Amino acid sequence: MSDIMTVQVAQRGLVTLPKALRETYRIQEGDTLTLLDLGGVFVLSPRRSEIDGLADKISTALVEQGESLESMLQALREAREGYAA
């Protein structure tokens, strides 16, 4: 569906998605959507963002390996010093 549609912001910031979009993408009341702000261009996606979940998995894996924020910052400083040399 590549039609241009206009929506209006109602009281308290509510926006109603056109029925055709809700039906096409099977969006139902109570569904969670992901909203990305790309410098004033809004992208609304019926898919859930996986960034937070991936960040949690990475954090858990690093902690399990004995890494800490301090050790990662130290490694970053050392790498920067290597580039400067």
C-alpha atoms as a PDB file:
ATOM      1  CA  MET A   1       0.000   0.000   0.000  1.00  0.00           C
ATOM      2  CA  SER A   2       1.763   3.160  -1.158  1.00  0.00           C
ATOM      3  CA  ASP A   3      -1.096   5.643  -0.981  1.00  0.00           C
ATOM      4  CA  ILE A   4      -0.506   8.934   0.773  1.00  0.00           C
ATOM      5  CA  MET A   5      -2.885   9.285   3.677  1.00  0.00           C
ATOM      6  CA  THR A   6      -3.557  12.180   5.995  1.00  0.00           C
ATOM      7  CA  VAL A   7      -4.318  11.781   9.681  1.00  0.00           C
ATOM      8  CA  GLN A   8      -5.279  14.421  12.203  1.00  0.00           C
ATOM      9  CA  VAL A   9      -4.022  14.729  15.751  1.00  0.00           C
ATOM     10  CA  ALA A  10      -6.972  14.772  18.134  1.00  0.00           C
ATOM     11  CA  GLN A  11      -7.248  15.658  21.803  1.00  0.00           C
ATOM     12  CA  ARG A  12      -4.398  14.353  23.980  1.00  0.00           C
ATOM     13  CA  GLY A  13      -2.308  13.578  20.877  1.00  0.00           C
ATOM     14  CA  LEU A  14      -4.441  10.696  19.635  1.00  0.00           C
ATOM     15  CA  VAL A  15      -4.075   9.704  15.991  1.00  0.00           C
ATOM     16  CA  THR A  16      -6.462   7.307  14.278  1.00  0.00           C
ATOM     17  CA  LEU A  17      -4.967   5.033  11.642  1.00  0.00           C
ATOM     18  CA  PRO A  18      -7.095   4.690   8.519  1.00  0.00           C
ATOM     19  CA  LYS A  19      -9.206   1.530   8.452  1.00  0.00           C
ATOM     20  CA  ALA A  20      -7.517   0.298   5.260  1.00  0.00           C
ATOM     21  CA  LEU A  21      -4.099   0.303   6.992  1.00  0.00           C
ATOM     22  CA  ARG A  22      -5.447  -1.403  10.105  1.00  0.00           C
ATOM     23  CA  GLU A  23      -7.015  -4.128   8.007  1.00  0.00           C
ATOM     24  CA  THR A  24      -4.043  -4.590   5.668  1.00  0.00           C
ATOM     25  CA  TYR A  25      -1.551  -4.950   8.526  1.00  0.00           C
ATOM     26  CA  ARG A  26      -3.973  -6.589  10.968  1.00  0.00           C
ATOM     27  CA  ILE A  27      -3.490  -3.854  13.549  1.00  0.00           C
ATOM     28  CA  GLN A  28      -5.967  -4.227  16.374  1.00  0.00           C
ATOM     29  CA  GLU A  29      -6.889  -2.207  19.431  1.00  0.00           C
ATOM     30  CA  GLY A  30      -4.212  -2.605  22.087  1.00  0.00           C
ATOM     31  CA  ASP A  31      -1.424  -3.525  19.646  1.00  0.00           C
ATOM     32  CA  THR A  32       1.945  -1.893  20.271  1.00  0.00           C
ATOM     33  CA  LEU A  33       3.573  -0.010  17.393  1.00  0.00           C
ATOM     34  CA  THR A  34       7.116   1.321  17.104  1.00  0.00           C
ATOM     35  CA  LEU A  35       7.522   5.030  16.322  1.00  0.00           C
ATOM     36  CA  LEU A  36      10.883   6.263  15.021  1.00  0.00           C
ATOM     37  CA  ASP A  37      11.637   9.986  14.807  1.00  0.00           C
ATOM     38  CA  LEU A  38      14.076  10.492  11.944  1.00  0.00           C
ATOM     39  CA  GLY A  39      14.682  14.194  12.346  1.00  0.00           C
ATOM     40  CA  GLY A  40      11.034  15.177  12.040  1.00  0.00           C
ATOM     41  CA  VAL A  41      10.037  12.352   9.695  1.00  0.00           C
ATOM     42  CA  PHE A  42       7.995   9.833  11.662  1.00  0.00           C
ATOM     43  CA  VAL A  43       8.056   6.146  10.807  1.00  0.00           C
ATOM     44  CA  LEU A  44       5.338   4.081  12.440  1.00  0.00           C
ATOM     45  CA  SER A  45       5.823   0.340  12.264  1.00  0.00           C
ATOM     46  CA  PRO A  46       3.585  -2.507  13.391  1.00  0.00           C
ATOM     47  CA  ARG A  47       6.735  -4.520  14.111  1.00  0.00           C
ATOM     48  CA  ARG A  48       8.228  -4.290  17.563  1.00  0.00           C
ATOM     49  CA  SER A  49      11.680  -2.773  17.851  1.00  0.00           C
ATOM     50  CA  GLU A  50      14.276  -5.396  18.683  1.00  0.00           C
ATOM     51  CA  ILE A  51      16.986  -2.929  19.671  1.00  0.00           C
ATOM     52  CA  ASP A  52      16.260  -2.989  23.413  1.00  0.00           C
ATOM     53  CA  GLY A  53      16.129  -6.779  23.495  1.00  0.00           C
ATOM     54  CA  LEU A  54      19.387  -7.083  21.571  1.00  0.00           C
ATOM     55  CA  ALA A  55      21.081  -4.527  23.838  1.00  0.00           C
ATOM     56  CA  ASP A  56      19.980  -6.536  26.883  1.00  0.00           C
ATOM     57  CA  LYS A  57      21.370  -9.763  25.380  1.00  0.00           C
ATOM     58  CA  ILE A  58      24.713  -8.098  24.588  1.00  0.00           C
ATOM     59  CA  SER A  59      24.913  -6.575  28.053  1.00  0.00           C
ATOM     60  CA  THR A  60      24.176  -9.921  29.723  1.00  0.00           C
ATOM     61  CA  ALA A  61      26.773 -11.717  27.595  1.00  0.00           C
ATOM     62  CA  LEU A  62      29.446  -9.125  28.405  1.00  0.00           C
ATOM     63  CA  VAL A  63      28.710  -9.281  32.136  1.00  0.00           C
ATOM     64  CA  GLU A  64      28.897 -13.085  32.009  1.00  0.00           C
ATOM     65  CA  GLN A  65      32.343 -12.739  30.402  1.00  0.00           C
ATOM     66  CA  GLY A  66      33.456 -10.512  33.259  1.00  0.00           C
ATOM     67  CA  GLU A  67      33.304  -7.275  31.291  1.00  0.00           C
ATOM     68  CA  SER A  68      32.234  -4.029  32.930  1.00  0.00           C
ATOM     69  CA  LEU A  69      31.620  -0.538  31.675  1.00  0.00           C
ATOM     70  CA  GLU A  70      35.010   0.480  33.025  1.00  0.00           C
ATOM     71  CA  SER A  71      36.848  -2.344  31.225  1.00  0.00           C
ATOM     72  CA  MET A  72      35.109  -1.521  27.940  1.00  0.00           C
ATOM     73  CA  LEU A  73      35.927   2.193  28.278  1.00  0.00           C
ATOM     74  CA  GLN A  74      39.555   1.321  29.002  1.00  0.00           C
ATOM     75  CA  ALA A  75      39.703  -0.878  25.889  1.00  0.00           C
ATOM     76  CA  LEU A  76      38.204   1.981  23.869  1.00  0.00           C
ATOM     77  CA  ARG A  77      40.823   4.432  25.199  1.00  0.00           C
ATOM     78  CA  GLU A  78      43.621   2.006  24.320  1.00  0.00           C
ATOM     79  CA  ALA A  79      42.249   1.535  20.794  1.00  0.00           C
ATOM     80  CA  ARG A  80      42.026   5.308  20.307  1.00  0.00           C
ATOM     81  CA  GLU A  81      45.597   5.733  21.487  1.00  0.00           C
ATOM     82  CA  GLY A  82      46.660   3.137  18.922  1.00  0.00           C
ATOM     83  CA  TYR A  83      45.050   5.143  16.129  1.00  0.00           C
ATOM     84  CA  ALA A  84      46.645   8.383  17.321  1.00  0.00           C
ATOM     85  CA  ALA A  85      50.148   6.871  17.321  1.00  0.00           C
END
